[in-house]
Structure formats: C-alpha cells, structure tokens
PDB file of all heavy atoms in Angstrom:
ATOM      1  N   ILE A   1       0.840  -1.213   0.009  1.00  0.00           N
ATOM      2  CA  ILE A   1      -0.006  -0.001  -0.008  1.00  0.00           C
ATOM      3  C   ILE A   1       0.869   1.258  -0.005  1.00  0.00           C
ATOM      4  O   ILE A   1       0.585   2.223  -0.715  1.00  0.00           O
ATOM      5  CB  ILE A   1      -0.945  -0.010   1.226  1.00  0.00           C
ATOM      6  CG1 ILE A   1      -1.985  -1.125   1.076  1.00  0.00           C
ATOM      7  CG2 ILE A   1      -1.627   1.346   1.394  1.00  0.00           C
ATOM      8  CD1 ILE A   1      -2.880  -1.304   2.283  1.00  0.00           C
ATOM      9  N   ILE A   2       1.942   1.236   0.816  1.00  0.00           N
ATOM     10  CA  ILE A   2       2.850   2.396   0.867  1.00  0.00           C
ATOM     11  C   ILE A   2       3.443   2.666  -0.500  1.00  0.00           C
ATOM     12  O   ILE A   2       3.510   3.817  -0.948  1.00  0.00           O
ATOM     13  CB  ILE A   2       3.962   2.135   1.910  1.00  0.00           C
ATOM     14  CG1 ILE A   2       3.394   2.154   3.318  1.00  0.00           C
ATOM     15  CG2 ILE A   2       5.078   3.175   1.766  1.00  0.00           C
ATOM     16  CD1 ILE A   2       4.410   1.756   4.374  1.00  0.00           C
ATOM     17  N   ALA A   3       3.891   1.629  -1.174  1.00  0.00           N
ATOM     18  CA  ALA A   3       4.517   1.798  -2.483  1.00  0.00           C
ATOM     19  C   ALA A   3       3.574   2.435  -3.496  1.00  0.00           C
ATOM     20  O   ALA A   3       4.000   3.201  -4.372  1.00  0.00           O
ATOM     21  CB  ALA A   3       5.011   0.444  -3.017  1.00  0.00           C
ATOM     22  N   GLU A   4       2.289   2.156  -3.350  1.00  0.00           N
ATOM     23  CA  GLU A   4       1.298   2.688  -4.301  1.00  0.00           C
ATOM     24  C   GLU A   4       1.048   4.179  -4.108  1.00  0.00           C
ATOM     25  O   GLU A   4       0.403   4.809  -4.941  1.00  0.00           O
ATOM     26  CB  GLU A   4      -0.019   1.923  -4.149  1.00  0.00           C
ATOM     27  CG  GLU A   4       0.076   0.476  -4.639  1.00  0.00           C
ATOM     28  CD  GLU A   4      -1.200  -0.303  -4.348  1.00  0.00           C
ATOM     29  OE1 GLU A   4      -2.131   0.282  -3.771  1.00  0.00           O
ATOM     30  OE2 GLU A   4      -1.247  -1.501  -4.702  1.00  0.00           O
ATOM     31  N   THR A   5       1.543   4.764  -3.000  1.00  0.00           N
ATOM     32  CA  THR A   5       1.304   6.195  -2.756  1.00  0.00           C
ATOM     33  C   THR A   5       2.228   7.080  -3.597  1.00  0.00           C
ATOM     34  O   THR A   5       2.001   8.297  -3.677  1.00  0.00           O
ATOM     35  CB  THR A   5       1.512   6.545  -1.267  1.00  0.00           C
ATOM     36  OG1 THR A   5       2.880   6.276  -0.903  1.00  0.00           O
ATOM     37  CG2 THR A   5       0.586   5.742  -0.384  1.00  0.00           C
ATOM     38  N   ASP A   6       3.276   6.508  -4.211  1.00  0.00           N
ATOM     39  CA  ASP A   6       4.248   7.311  -4.957  1.00  0.00           C
ATOM     40  C   ASP A   6       4.814   6.472  -6.099  1.00  0.00           C
ATOM     41  O   ASP A   6       5.280   5.353  -5.870  1.00  0.00           O
ATOM     42  CB  ASP A   6       5.359   7.789  -4.026  1.00  0.00           C
ATOM     43  CG  ASP A   6       6.358   8.691  -4.723  1.00  0.00           C
ATOM     44  OD1 ASP A   6       6.119   9.909  -4.762  1.00  0.00           O
ATOM     45  OD2 ASP A   6       7.362   8.159  -5.229  1.00  0.00           O
ATOM     46  N   ASP A   7       4.790   7.023  -7.322  1.00  0.00           N
ATOM     47  CA  ASP A   7       5.242   6.253  -8.479  1.00  0.00           C
ATOM     48  C   ASP A   7       6.722   5.887  -8.377  1.00  0.00           C
ATOM     49  O   ASP A   7       7.114   4.751  -8.687  1.00  0.00           O
ATOM     50  CB  ASP A   7       5.007   7.049  -9.771  1.00  0.00           C
ATOM     51  CG  ASP A   7       3.517   7.163 -10.093  1.00  0.00           C
ATOM     52  OD1 ASP A   7       2.738   6.356  -9.557  1.00  0.00           O
ATOM     53  OD2 ASP A   7       3.158   8.067 -10.863  1.00  0.00           O
ATOM     54  N   ALA A   8       7.540   6.841  -7.921  1.00  0.00           N
ATOM     55  CA  ALA A   8       8.975   6.561  -7.806  1.00  0.00           C
ATOM     56  C   ALA A   8       9.231   5.490  -6.758  1.00  0.00           C
ATOM     57  O   ALA A   8      10.070   4.603  -6.923  1.00  0.00           O
ATOM     58  CB  ALA A   8       9.718   7.850  -7.467  1.00  0.00           C
ATOM     59  N   LEU A   9       8.465   5.578  -5.671  1.00  0.00           N
ATOM     60  CA  LEU A   9       8.600   4.587  -4.604  1.00  0.00           C
ATOM     61  C   LEU A   9       8.176   3.219  -5.118  1.00  0.00           C
ATOM     62  O   LEU A   9       8.817   2.197  -4.789  1.00  0.00           O
ATOM     63  CB  LEU A   9       7.726   5.028  -3.423  1.00  0.00           C
ATOM     64  CG  LEU A   9       8.172   4.618  -2.005  1.00  0.00           C
ATOM     65  CD1 LEU A   9       9.527   5.209  -1.690  1.00  0.00           C
ATOM     66  CD2 LEU A   9       7.130   5.081  -0.981  1.00  0.00           C
ATOM     67  N   MET A  10       7.102   3.171  -5.883  1.00  0.00           N
ATOM     68  CA  MET A  10       6.623   1.908  -6.444  1.00  0.00           C
ATOM     69  C   MET A  10       7.690   1.266  -7.331  1.00  0.00           C
ATOM     70  O   MET A  10       7.943   0.055  -7.257  1.00  0.00           O
ATOM     71  CB  MET A  10       5.340   2.145  -7.247  1.00  0.00           C
ATOM     72  CG  MET A  10       4.867   0.934  -8.032  1.00  0.00           C
ATOM     73  SD  MET A  10       4.324  -0.431  -6.953  1.00  0.00           S
ATOM     74  CE  MET A  10       2.661   0.112  -6.585  1.00  0.00           C
ATOM     75  N   GLU A  11       8.347   2.082  -8.139  1.00  0.00           N
ATOM     76  CA  GLU A  11       9.374   1.542  -9.034  1.00  0.00           C
ATOM     77  C   GLU A  11      10.538   0.936  -8.241  1.00  0.00           C
ATOM     78  O   GLU A  11      10.999  -0.172  -8.549  1.00  0.00           O
ATOM     79  CB  GLU A  11       9.872   2.658  -9.952  1.00  0.00           C
ATOM     80  CG  GLU A  11      10.811   2.158 -11.044  1.00  0.00           C
ATOM     81  CD  GLU A  11      11.174   3.269 -12.028  1.00  0.00           C
ATOM     82  OE1 GLU A  11      10.439   4.296 -12.060  1.00  0.00           O
ATOM     83  OE2 GLU A  11      12.170   3.090 -12.753  1.00  0.00           O
ATOM     84  N   ARG A  12      10.992   1.634  -7.221  1.00  0.00           N
ATOM     85  CA  ARG A  12      12.065   1.128  -6.392  1.00  0.00           C
ATOM     86  C   ARG A  12      11.642  -0.141  -5.649  1.00  0.00           C
ATOM     87  O   ARG A  12      12.401  -1.095  -5.506  1.00  0.00           O
ATOM     88  CB  ARG A  12      12.492   2.185  -5.359  1.00  0.00           C
ATOM     89  CG  ARG A  12      13.264   3.351  -5.978  1.00  0.00           C
ATOM     90  CD  ARG A  12      13.751   4.325  -4.903  1.00  0.00           C
ATOM     91  NE  ARG A  12      14.482   3.602  -3.868  1.00  0.00           N
ATOM     92  CZ  ARG A  12      14.241   3.724  -2.559  1.00  0.00           C
ATOM     93  NH1 ARG A  12      13.283   4.512  -2.145  1.00  0.00           N
ATOM     94  NH2 ARG A  12      14.946   3.026  -1.688  1.00  0.00           N
ATOM     95  N   TYR A  13      10.404  -0.118  -5.160  1.00  0.00           N
ATOM     96  CA  TYR A  13       9.901  -1.265  -4.399  1.00  0.00           C
ATOM     97  C   TYR A  13       9.814  -2.507  -5.269  1.00  0.00           C
ATOM     98  O   TYR A  13      10.186  -3.609  -4.854  1.00  0.00           O
ATOM     99  CB  TYR A  13       8.539  -0.899  -3.809  1.00  0.00           C
ATOM    100  CG  TYR A  13       7.914  -1.993  -2.961  1.00  0.00           C
ATOM    101  CD1 TYR A  13       8.446  -2.350  -1.734  1.00  0.00           C
ATOM    102  CD2 TYR A  13       6.759  -2.636  -3.400  1.00  0.00           C
ATOM    103  CE1 TYR A  13       7.862  -3.339  -0.961  1.00  0.00           C
ATOM    104  CE2 TYR A  13       6.160  -3.642  -2.642  1.00  0.00           C
ATOM    105  CZ  TYR A  13       6.713  -3.977  -1.412  1.00  0.00           C
ATOM    106  OH  TYR A  13       6.136  -4.966  -0.645  1.00  0.00           O
ATOM    107  N   LEU A  14       9.341  -2.327  -6.516  1.00  0.00           N
ATOM    108  CA  LEU A  14       9.238  -3.463  -7.427  1.00  0.00           C
ATOM    109  C   LEU A  14      10.612  -3.996  -7.834  1.00  0.00           C
ATOM    110  O   LEU A  14      10.759  -5.170  -8.196  1.00  0.00           O
ATOM    111  CB  LEU A  14       8.438  -3.052  -8.682  1.00  0.00           C
ATOM    112  CG  LEU A  14       6.937  -2.759  -8.439  1.00  0.00           C
ATOM    113  CD1 LEU A  14       6.285  -2.285  -9.731  1.00  0.00           C
ATOM    114  CD2 LEU A  14       6.230  -3.999  -7.905  1.00  0.00           C
ATOM    115  N   ASP A  15      11.614  -3.100  -7.787  1.00  0.00           N
ATOM    116  CA  ASP A  15      12.985  -3.537  -8.097  1.00  0.00           C
ATOM    117  C   ASP A  15      13.639  -4.230  -6.923  1.00  0.00           C
ATOM    118  O   ASP A  15      14.813  -4.644  -7.013  1.00  0.00           O
ATOM    119  CB  ASP A  15      13.837  -2.322  -8.506  1.00  0.00           C
ATOM    120  CG  ASP A  15      13.452  -1.797  -9.874  1.00  0.00           C
ATOM    121  OD1 ASP A  15      12.809  -2.559 -10.632  1.00  0.00           O
ATOM    122  OD2 ASP A  15      13.752  -0.632 -10.159  1.00  0.00           O
ATOM    123  N   GLY A  16      12.915  -4.368  -5.809  1.00  0.00           N
ATOM    124  CA  GLY A  16      13.437  -5.095  -4.665  1.00  0.00           C
ATOM    125  C   GLY A  16      14.151  -4.246  -3.646  1.00  0.00           C
ATOM    126  O   GLY A  16      14.728  -4.786  -2.678  1.00  0.00           O
ATOM    127  N   ALA A  17      14.148  -2.917  -3.822  1.00  0.00           N
ATOM    128  CA  ALA A  17      14.836  -2.037  -2.861  1.00  0.00           C
ATOM    129  C   ALA A  17      14.067  -2.024  -1.545  1.00  0.00           C
ATOM    130  O   ALA A  17      12.836  -2.051  -1.524  1.00  0.00           O
ATOM    131  CB  ALA A  17      14.955  -0.623  -3.425  1.00  0.00           C
ATOM    132  N   GLU A  18      14.783  -1.925  -0.441  1.00  0.00           N
ATOM    133  CA  GLU A  18      14.152  -1.858   0.874  1.00  0.00           C
ATOM    134  C   GLU A  18      13.868  -0.402   1.202  1.00  0.00           C
ATOM    135  O   GLU A  18      14.731   0.476   1.071  1.00  0.00           O
ATOM    136  CB  GLU A  18      15.077  -2.479   1.922  1.00  0.00           C
ATOM    137  CG  GLU A  18      14.418  -2.555   3.309  1.00  0.00           C
ATOM    138  CD  GLU A  18      15.271  -3.327   4.299  1.00  0.00           C
ATOM    139  OE1 GLU A  18      16.109  -4.146   3.843  1.00  0.00           O
ATOM    140  OE2 GLU A  18      15.112  -3.109   5.505  1.00  0.00           O
ATOM    141  N   LEU A  19      12.645  -0.102   1.625  1.00  0.00           N
ATOM    142  CA  LEU A  19      12.270   1.272   1.935  1.00  0.00           C
ATOM    143  C   LEU A  19      12.893   1.685   3.269  1.00  0.00           C
ATOM    144  O   LEU A  19      12.943   0.908   4.222  1.00  0.00           O
ATOM    145  CB  LEU A  19      10.752   1.411   2.003  1.00  0.00           C
ATOM    146  CG  LEU A  19       9.959   0.957   0.762  1.00  0.00           C
ATOM    147  CD1 LEU A  19       8.471   1.226   0.951  1.00  0.00           C
ATOM    148  CD2 LEU A  19      10.473   1.675  -0.485  1.00  0.00           C
ATOM    149  N   SER A  20      13.328   2.951   3.318  1.00  0.00           N
ATOM    150  CA  SER A  20      13.917   3.473   4.545  1.00  0.00           C
ATOM    151  C   SER A  20      12.819   3.706   5.583  1.00  0.00           C
ATOM    152  O   SER A  20      11.620   3.776   5.266  1.00  0.00           O
ATOM    153  CB  SER A  20      14.666   4.766   4.276  1.00  0.00           C
ATOM    154  OG  SER A  20      13.744   5.803   3.934  1.00  0.00           O
ATOM    155  N   ALA A  21      13.244   3.892   6.836  1.00  0.00           N
ATOM    156  CA  ALA A  21      12.285   4.156   7.913  1.00  0.00           C
ATOM    157  C   ALA A  21      11.509   5.427   7.636  1.00  0.00           C
ATOM    158  O   ALA A  21      10.287   5.486   7.868  1.00  0.00           O
ATOM    159  CB  ALA A  21      13.023   4.250   9.259  1.00  0.00           C
ATOM    160  N   ASP A  22      12.185   6.463   7.119  1.00  0.00           N
ATOM    161  CA  ASP A  22      11.498   7.725   6.813  1.00  0.00           C
ATOM    162  C   ASP A  22      10.485   7.542   5.681  1.00  0.00           C
ATOM    163  O   ASP A  22       9.388   8.126   5.703  1.00  0.00           O
ATOM    164  CB  ASP A  22      12.505   8.798   6.431  1.00  0.00           C
ATOM    165  CG  ASP A  22      13.316   9.294   7.623  1.00  0.00           C
ATOM    166  OD1 ASP A  22      12.870   9.076   8.772  1.00  0.00           O
ATOM    167  OD2 ASP A  22      14.390   9.886   7.404  1.00  0.00           O
ATOM    168  N   GLU A  23      10.847   6.719   4.690  1.00  0.00           N
ATOM    169  CA  GLU A  23       9.917   6.475   3.591  1.00  0.00           C
ATOM    170  C   GLU A  23       8.696   5.699   4.063  1.00  0.00           C
ATOM    171  O   GLU A  23       7.570   5.947   3.594  1.00  0.00           O
ATOM    172  CB  GLU A  23      10.637   5.697   2.474  1.00  0.00           C
ATOM    173  CG  GLU A  23      11.627   6.533   1.687  1.00  0.00           C
ATOM    174  CD  GLU A  23      12.413   5.715   0.686  1.00  0.00           C
ATOM    175  OE1 GLU A  23      12.692   4.528   0.981  1.00  0.00           O
ATOM    176  OE2 GLU A  23      12.746   6.245  -0.392  1.00  0.00           O
ATOM    177  N   VAL A  24       8.890   4.776   4.988  1.00  0.00           N
ATOM    178  CA  VAL A  24       7.759   4.027   5.541  1.00  0.00           C
ATOM    179  C   VAL A  24       6.835   4.971   6.329  1.00  0.00           C
ATOM    180  O   VAL A  24       5.606   4.923   6.153  1.00  0.00           O
ATOM    181  CB  VAL A  24       8.258   2.888   6.447  1.00  0.00           C
ATOM    182  CG1 VAL A  24       7.090   2.259   7.205  1.00  0.00           C
ATOM    183  CG2 VAL A  24       8.975   1.831   5.619  1.00  0.00           C
ATOM    184  N   LEU A  25       7.425   5.822   7.158  1.00  0.00           N
ATOM    185  CA  LEU A  25       6.614   6.766   7.935  1.00  0.00           C
ATOM    186  C   LEU A  25       5.795   7.683   7.028  1.00  0.00           C
ATOM    187  O   LEU A  25       4.594   7.866   7.202  1.00  0.00           O
ATOM    188  CB  LEU A  25       7.505   7.601   8.858  1.00  0.00           C
ATOM    189  CG  LEU A  25       8.118   6.901  10.070  1.00  0.00           C
ATOM    190  CD1 LEU A  25       9.058   7.828  10.808  1.00  0.00           C
ATOM    191  CD2 LEU A  25       7.034   6.399  11.008  1.00  0.00           C
ATOM    192  N   GLU A  26       6.488   8.249   6.024  1.00  0.00           N
ATOM    193  CA  GLU A  26       5.808   9.142   5.095  1.00  0.00           C
ATOM    194  C   GLU A  26       4.748   8.402   4.283  1.00  0.00           C
ATOM    195  O   GLU A  26       3.641   8.912   4.036  1.00  0.00           O
ATOM    196  CB  GLU A  26       6.822   9.800   4.170  1.00  0.00           C
ATOM    197  CG  GLU A  26       6.244  10.825   3.204  1.00  0.00           C
ATOM    198  CD  GLU A  26       5.715  12.074   3.898  1.00  0.00           C
ATOM    199  OE1 GLU A  26       6.132  12.326   5.059  1.00  0.00           O
ATOM    200  OE2 GLU A  26       4.893  12.781   3.284  1.00  0.00           O
ATOM    201  N   GLY A  27       5.061   7.168   3.898  1.00  0.00           N
ATOM    202  CA  GLY A  27       4.109   6.380   3.107  1.00  0.00           C
ATOM    203  C   GLY A  27       2.869   6.019   3.887  1.00  0.00           C
ATOM    204  O   GLY A  27       1.753   6.092   3.350  1.00  0.00           O
ATOM    205  N   VAL A  28       3.026   5.638   5.151  1.00  0.00           N
ATOM    206  CA  VAL A  28       1.856   5.330   5.993  1.00  0.00           C
ATOM    207  C   VAL A  28       1.001   6.576   6.164  1.00  0.00           C
ATOM    208  O   VAL A  28      -0.236   6.530   6.062  1.00  0.00           O
ATOM    209  CB  VAL A  28       2.290   4.777   7.363  1.00  0.00           C
ATOM    210  CG1 VAL A  28       1.098   4.666   8.294  1.00  0.00           C
ATOM    211  CG2 VAL A  28       2.935   3.390   7.192  1.00  0.00           C
ATOM    212  N   ARG A  29       1.656   7.719   6.440  1.00  0.00           N
ATOM    213  CA  ARG A  29       0.915   8.972   6.631  1.00  0.00           C
ATOM    214  C   ARG A  29       0.129   9.327   5.371  1.00  0.00           C
ATOM    215  O   ARG A  29      -1.049   9.715   5.452  1.00  0.00           O
ATOM    216  CB  ARG A  29       1.893  10.092   6.993  1.00  0.00           C
ATOM    217  CG  ARG A  29       1.216  11.369   7.455  1.00  0.00           C
ATOM    218  CD  ARG A  29       2.230  12.459   7.782  1.00  0.00           C
ATOM    219  NE  ARG A  29       3.160  12.027   8.838  1.00  0.00           N
ATOM    220  CZ  ARG A  29       4.476  11.923   8.667  1.00  0.00           C
ATOM    221  NH1 ARG A  29       5.016  12.225   7.502  1.00  0.00           N
ATOM    222  NH2 ARG A  29       5.253  11.535   9.650  1.00  0.00           N
ATOM    223  N   ASN A  30       0.748   9.184   4.204  1.00  0.00           N
ATOM    224  CA  ASN A  30       0.052   9.503   2.947  1.00  0.00           C
ATOM    225  C   ASN A  30      -1.097   8.532   2.694  1.00  0.00           C
ATOM    226  O   ASN A  30      -2.153   8.929   2.187  1.00  0.00           O
ATOM    227  CB  ASN A  30       1.037   9.475   1.783  1.00  0.00           C
ATOM    228  CG  ASN A  30       2.024  10.616   1.837  1.00  0.00           C
ATOM    229  OD1 ASN A  30       1.768  11.641   2.464  1.00  0.00           O
ATOM    230  ND2 ASN A  30       3.185  10.456   1.177  1.00  0.00           N
ATOM    231  N   ALA A  31      -0.893   7.270   3.021  1.00  0.00           N
ATOM    232  CA  ALA A  31      -1.950   6.270   2.807  1.00  0.00           C
ATOM    233  C   ALA A  31      -3.122   6.508   3.737  1.00  0.00           C
ATOM    234  O   ALA A  31      -4.298   6.326   3.354  1.00  0.00           O
ATOM    235  CB  ALA A  31      -1.380   4.864   2.986  1.00  0.00           C
ATOM    236  N   VAL A  32      -2.839   6.912   4.988  1.00  0.00           N
ATOM    237  CA  VAL A  32      -3.926   7.233   5.920  1.00  0.00           C
ATOM    238  C   VAL A  32      -4.715   8.428   5.397  1.00  0.00           C
ATOM    239  O   VAL A  32      -5.952   8.456   5.438  1.00  0.00           O
ATOM    240  CB  VAL A  32      -3.368   7.532   7.324  1.00  0.00           C
ATOM    241  CG1 VAL A  32      -4.459   8.120   8.222  1.00  0.00           C
ATOM    242  CG2 VAL A  32      -2.815   6.257   7.955  1.00  0.00           C
ATOM    243  N   GLN A  33      -4.010   9.437   4.890  1.00  0.00           N
ATOM    244  CA  GLN A  33      -4.676  10.605   4.339  1.00  0.00           C
ATOM    245  C   GLN A  33      -5.539  10.243   3.145  1.00  0.00           C
ATOM    246  O   GLN A  33      -6.670  10.738   3.011  1.00  0.00           O
ATOM    247  CB  GLN A  33      -3.647  11.658   3.938  1.00  0.00           C
ATOM    248  CG  GLN A  33      -4.274  12.920   3.341  1.00  0.00           C
ATOM    249  CD  GLN A  33      -3.220  13.928   2.899  1.00  0.00           C
ATOM    250  OE1 GLN A  33      -2.018  13.715   3.090  1.00  0.00           O
ATOM    251  NE2 GLN A  33      -3.650  15.026   2.293  1.00  0.00           N
ATOM    252  N   ALA A  34      -5.050   9.361   2.298  1.00  0.00           N
ATOM    253  CA  ALA A  34      -5.795   8.976   1.085  1.00  0.00           C
ATOM    254  C   ALA A  34      -6.917   7.990   1.403  1.00  0.00           C
ATOM    255  O   ALA A  34      -7.781   7.742   0.541  1.00  0.00           O
ATOM    256  CB  ALA A  34      -4.835   8.373   0.073  1.00  0.00           C
ATOM    257  N   GLY A  35      -6.895   7.402   2.594  1.00  0.00           N
ATOM    258  CA  GLY A  35      -7.913   6.418   2.951  1.00  0.00           C
ATOM    259  C   GLY A  35      -7.627   5.031   2.417  1.00  0.00           C
ATOM    260  O   GLY A  35      -8.479   4.143   2.515  1.00  0.00           O
ATOM    261  N   THR A  36      -6.420   4.821   1.871  1.00  0.00           N
ATOM    262  CA  THR A  36      -6.074   3.492   1.356  1.00  0.00           C
ATOM    263  C   THR A  36      -5.520   2.579   2.442  1.00  0.00           C
ATOM    264  O   THR A  36      -5.316   1.397   2.211  1.00  0.00           O
ATOM    265  CB  THR A  36      -5.057   3.611   0.206  1.00  0.00           C
ATOM    266  OG1 THR A  36      -3.895   4.312   0.683  1.00  0.00           O
ATOM    267  CG2 THR A  36      -5.661   4.370  -0.970  1.00  0.00           C
ATOM    268  N   LEU A  37      -5.242   3.141   3.616  1.00  0.00           N
ATOM    269  CA  LEU A  37      -4.767   2.345   4.749  1.00  0.00           C
ATOM    270  C   LEU A  37      -5.451   2.835   6.017  1.00  0.00           C
ATOM    271  O   LEU A  37      -5.498   4.041   6.288  1.00  0.00           O
ATOM    272  CB  LEU A  37      -3.251   2.466   4.923  1.00  0.00           C
ATOM    273  CG  LEU A  37      -2.656   1.797   6.180  1.00  0.00           C
ATOM    274  CD1 LEU A  37      -2.862   0.293   6.129  1.00  0.00           C
ATOM    275  CD2 LEU A  37      -1.158   2.123   6.312  1.00  0.00           C
ATOM    276  N   ILE A  38      -6.025   1.896   6.754  1.00  0.00           N
ATOM    277  CA  ILE A  38      -6.592   2.188   8.069  1.00  0.00           C
ATOM    278  C   ILE A  38      -5.815   1.338   9.065  1.00  0.00           C
ATOM    279  O   ILE A  38      -6.046   0.119   9.175  1.00  0.00           O
ATOM    280  CB  ILE A  38      -8.085   1.867   8.114  1.00  0.00           C
ATOM    281  CG1 ILE A  38      -8.830   2.747   7.110  1.00  0.00           C
ATOM    282  CG2 ILE A  38      -8.650   2.077   9.529  1.00  0.00           C
ATOM    283  CD1 ILE A  38     -10.316   2.453   7.006  1.00  0.00           C
ATOM    284  N   PRO A  39      -4.835   1.932   9.764  1.00  0.00           N
ATOM    285  CA  PRO A  39      -4.008   1.150  10.683  1.00  0.00           C
ATOM    286  C   PRO A  39      -4.801   0.569  11.842  1.00  0.00           C
ATOM    287  O   PRO A  39      -5.659   1.243  12.413  1.00  0.00           O
ATOM    288  CB  PRO A  39      -2.969   2.182  11.190  1.00  0.00           C
ATOM    289  CG  PRO A  39      -3.015   3.295  10.209  1.00  0.00           C
ATOM    290  CD  PRO A  39      -4.426   3.339   9.708  1.00  0.00           C
ATOM    291  N   ILE A  40      -4.545  -0.678  12.174  1.00  0.00           N
ATOM    292  CA  ILE A  40      -5.112  -1.332  13.350  1.00  0.00           C
ATOM    293  C   ILE A  40      -4.021  -1.384  14.413  1.00  0.00           C
ATOM    294  O   ILE A  40      -2.892  -1.802  14.138  1.00  0.00           O
ATOM    295  CB  ILE A  40      -5.600  -2.746  13.032  1.00  0.00           C
ATOM    296  CG1 ILE A  40      -6.747  -2.698  12.003  1.00  0.00           C
ATOM    297  CG2 ILE A  40      -6.068  -3.456  14.306  1.00  0.00           C
ATOM    298  CD1 ILE A  40      -7.221  -4.057  11.540  1.00  0.00           C
ATOM    299  N   ILE A  41      -4.349  -0.956  15.632  1.00  0.00           N
ATOM    300  CA  ILE A  41      -3.380  -0.874  16.722  1.00  0.00           C
ATOM    301  C   ILE A  41      -3.907  -1.678  17.893  1.00  0.00           C
ATOM    302  O   ILE A  41      -5.101  -1.586  18.252  1.00  0.00           O
ATOM    303  CB  ILE A  41      -3.148   0.597  17.114  1.00  0.00           C
ATOM    304  CG1 ILE A  41      -2.640   1.370  15.885  1.00  0.00           C
ATOM    305  CG2 ILE A  41      -2.135   0.700  18.253  1.00  0.00           C
ATOM    306  CD1 ILE A  41      -2.717   2.852  16.021  1.00  0.00           C
TER     307      ILE A  41
END
C-alpha cells in the first residue's frame, strides 16, 4: 500500500529495494490521508 502512494517509490519497491524508515513513515501517513490504509493498533 505504501509503495502505491508514490510512483517513484513503487518503481524502487518493485525492483526489490528496501524502503527506509522515513519512507515508511511518510508512506503510511500519505496512505492514511488517502484512505487506502486504516492502521489497526
């Protein structure tokens, strides 16, 4: 879901690159804003 929030991120993710901690944080935040992720805690 995080990878789908950004085209460049998606390309790197599909190439097998590991996302950084900052990219994960930003990706979750963007996905929550877009409604594509509802975190369960």
